[in-house]
Amino acid sequence: MNKPRRILAGGAGHLMGGFLYNTRNGNNPFSAKADISCISVPIIHLYKFLLAQI
């Protein structure tokens, strides 16, 4: 009996950015913000097996 195996891999990440404006008097009222987080590399191994035969 042929039992196929598969290995799957991928990547995931989160990028967020934005701008702020300071209403008070200042030299630079605009600011840019950026955030990179949750970088992951999931790997899945799939194996098909027969638990019971009915």
N, C-alpha and C. Protein backbone atom coordinates (compact mmCIF):
# COMPACT_ATOMS: atom_id res chain seq x y z
N MET A 1 0.85 -1.19 0.00
CA MET A 1 0.00 0.00 0.00
C MET A 1 0.90 1.25 0.00
N ASN A 2 0.59 2.15 -0.89
CA ASN A 2 1.38 3.37 -1.03
C ASN A 2 0.87 4.43 -0.05
N LYS A 3 1.74 4.90 0.84
CA LYS A 3 1.36 5.93 1.80
C LYS A 3 2.13 7.21 1.47
N PRO A 4 1.47 8.14 0.80
CA PRO A 4 2.19 9.36 0.39
C PRO A 4 2.52 10.26 1.57
N ARG A 5 3.67 10.87 1.48
CA ARG A 5 4.11 11.85 2.47
C ARG A 5 4.31 13.19 1.75
N ARG A 6 3.98 14.24 2.46
CA ARG A 6 4.18 15.58 1.89
C ARG A 6 4.78 16.48 2.97
N ILE A 7 5.71 17.30 2.57
CA ILE A 7 6.29 18.31 3.47
C ILE A 7 5.99 19.67 2.87
N LEU A 8 5.32 20.50 3.65
CA LEU A 8 4.94 21.84 3.21
C LEU A 8 5.68 22.87 4.07
N ALA A 9 6.12 23.93 3.44
CA ALA A 9 6.81 25.00 4.17
C ALA A 9 6.35 26.34 3.62
N GLY A 10 6.37 27.33 4.47
CA GLY A 10 5.94 28.66 4.05
C GLY A 10 6.47 29.70 5.01
N GLY A 11 6.06 30.91 4.80
CA GLY A 11 6.50 31.99 5.66
C GLY A 11 5.36 32.93 5.99
N ALA A 12 5.48 33.59 7.11
CA ALA A 12 4.46 34.54 7.53
C ALA A 12 5.14 35.72 8.20
N GLY A 13 4.58 36.88 8.01
CA GLY A 13 5.11 38.08 8.63
C GLY A 13 4.06 39.15 8.75
N HIS A 14 4.37 40.16 9.50
CA HIS A 14 3.43 41.25 9.75
C HIS A 14 4.20 42.56 9.63
N LEU A 15 3.71 43.46 8.79
CA LEU A 15 4.32 44.77 8.60
C LEU A 15 3.26 45.83 8.84
N MET A 16 3.60 46.82 9.66
CA MET A 16 2.66 47.88 9.97
C MET A 16 3.41 49.22 9.92
N GLY A 17 2.77 50.22 9.39
CA GLY A 17 3.40 51.53 9.31
C GLY A 17 2.35 52.63 9.42
N GLY A 18 2.83 53.83 9.69
CA GLY A 18 1.92 54.95 9.81
C GLY A 18 2.66 56.26 9.97
N PHE A 19 1.90 57.33 10.02
CA PHE A 19 2.45 58.67 10.17
C PHE A 19 1.82 59.37 11.37
N LEU A 20 2.60 60.20 12.02
CA LEU A 20 2.11 61.00 13.14
C LEU A 20 2.31 62.47 12.82
N TYR A 21 1.39 63.28 13.30
CA TYR A 21 1.51 64.73 13.15
C TYR A 21 1.42 65.36 14.53
N ASN A 22 2.43 66.11 14.90
CA ASN A 22 2.49 66.78 16.19
C ASN A 22 1.85 68.15 16.05
N THR A 23 0.77 68.41 16.80
CA THR A 23 0.07 69.69 16.68
C THR A 23 0.78 70.81 17.43
N ARG A 24 1.70 70.48 18.33
CA ARG A 24 2.45 71.52 19.02
C ARG A 24 3.54 72.08 18.11
N ASN A 25 3.97 73.27 18.40
CA ASN A 25 5.03 73.88 17.60
C ASN A 25 6.32 73.09 17.78
N GLY A 26 6.98 72.81 16.67
CA GLY A 26 8.23 72.06 16.72
C GLY A 26 8.95 72.16 15.40
N ASN A 27 10.16 71.68 15.38
CA ASN A 27 10.96 71.75 14.17
C ASN A 27 10.49 70.74 13.13
N ASN A 28 10.07 69.56 13.57
CA ASN A 28 9.65 68.50 12.64
C ASN A 28 8.30 67.95 13.12
N PRO A 29 7.17 68.49 12.63
CA PRO A 29 5.87 68.04 13.12
C PRO A 29 5.45 66.66 12.58
N PHE A 30 6.03 66.18 11.47
CA PHE A 30 5.67 64.88 10.90
C PHE A 30 6.68 63.82 11.32
N SER A 31 6.17 62.64 11.66
CA SER A 31 7.02 61.49 11.99
C SER A 31 6.46 60.25 11.32
N ALA A 32 7.34 59.38 10.86
CA ALA A 32 6.93 58.11 10.26
C ALA A 32 7.34 56.99 11.20
N LYS A 33 6.46 56.01 11.34
CA LYS A 33 6.71 54.86 12.20
C LYS A 33 6.53 53.57 11.38
N ALA A 34 7.36 52.57 11.68
CA ALA A 34 7.25 51.27 11.02
C ALA A 34 7.54 50.17 12.02
N ASP A 35 6.87 49.02 11.84
CA ASP A 35 7.05 47.88 12.73
C ASP A 35 6.98 46.59 11.92
N ILE A 36 7.95 45.72 12.11
CA ILE A 36 7.96 44.39 11.49
C ILE A 36 8.03 43.38 12.62
N SER A 37 7.05 42.47 12.66
CA SER A 37 7.03 41.48 13.73
C SER A 37 6.40 40.19 13.24
N CYS A 38 6.41 39.20 14.08
CA CYS A 38 5.78 37.89 13.83
C CYS A 38 6.34 37.22 12.57
N ILE A 39 7.64 37.25 12.41
CA ILE A 39 8.24 36.55 11.28
C ILE A 39 8.42 35.09 11.69
N SER A 40 7.82 34.18 10.93
CA SER A 40 7.90 32.77 11.26
C SER A 40 7.99 31.93 9.98
N VAL A 41 8.52 30.73 10.13
CA VAL A 41 8.63 29.79 9.03
C VAL A 41 8.02 28.46 9.48
N PRO A 42 6.73 28.25 9.21
CA PRO A 42 6.11 26.98 9.61
C PRO A 42 6.45 25.86 8.62
N ILE A 43 6.66 24.65 9.16
CA ILE A 43 6.91 23.46 8.34
C ILE A 43 5.91 22.39 8.80
N ILE A 44 5.22 21.79 7.83
CA ILE A 44 4.20 20.78 8.12
C ILE A 44 4.57 19.49 7.41
N HIS A 45 4.52 18.39 8.14
CA HIS A 45 4.76 17.07 7.56
C HIS A 45 3.44 16.30 7.59
N LEU A 46 2.92 15.94 6.42
CA LEU A 46 1.66 15.22 6.32
C LEU A 46 1.94 13.77 5.95
N TYR A 47 1.30 12.87 6.68
CA TYR A 47 1.47 11.44 6.44
C TYR A 47 0.11 10.78 6.53
N LYS A 48 -0.30 10.11 5.48
CA LYS A 48 -1.61 9.47 5.44
C LYS A 48 -1.48 8.03 5.97
N PHE A 49 -2.31 7.71 6.98
CA PHE A 49 -2.29 6.35 7.51
C PHE A 49 -3.72 5.88 7.73
N LEU A 50 -3.88 4.57 7.81
CA LEU A 50 -5.18 3.94 7.99
C LEU A 50 -5.34 3.58 9.45
N LEU A 51 -6.33 4.17 10.10
CA LEU A 51 -6.57 3.91 11.52
C LEU A 51 -7.38 2.63 11.73
N ALA A 52 -8.42 2.44 10.92
CA ALA A 52 -9.25 1.24 11.03
C ALA A 52 -9.89 0.98 9.67
N GLN A 53 -10.14 -0.27 9.40
CA GLN A 53 -10.79 -0.64 8.14
C GLN A 53 -12.18 -1.15 8.46
N ILE A 54 -13.18 -0.50 7.86
CA ILE A 54 -14.57 -0.88 8.12
C ILE A 54 -15.12 -1.68 6.96
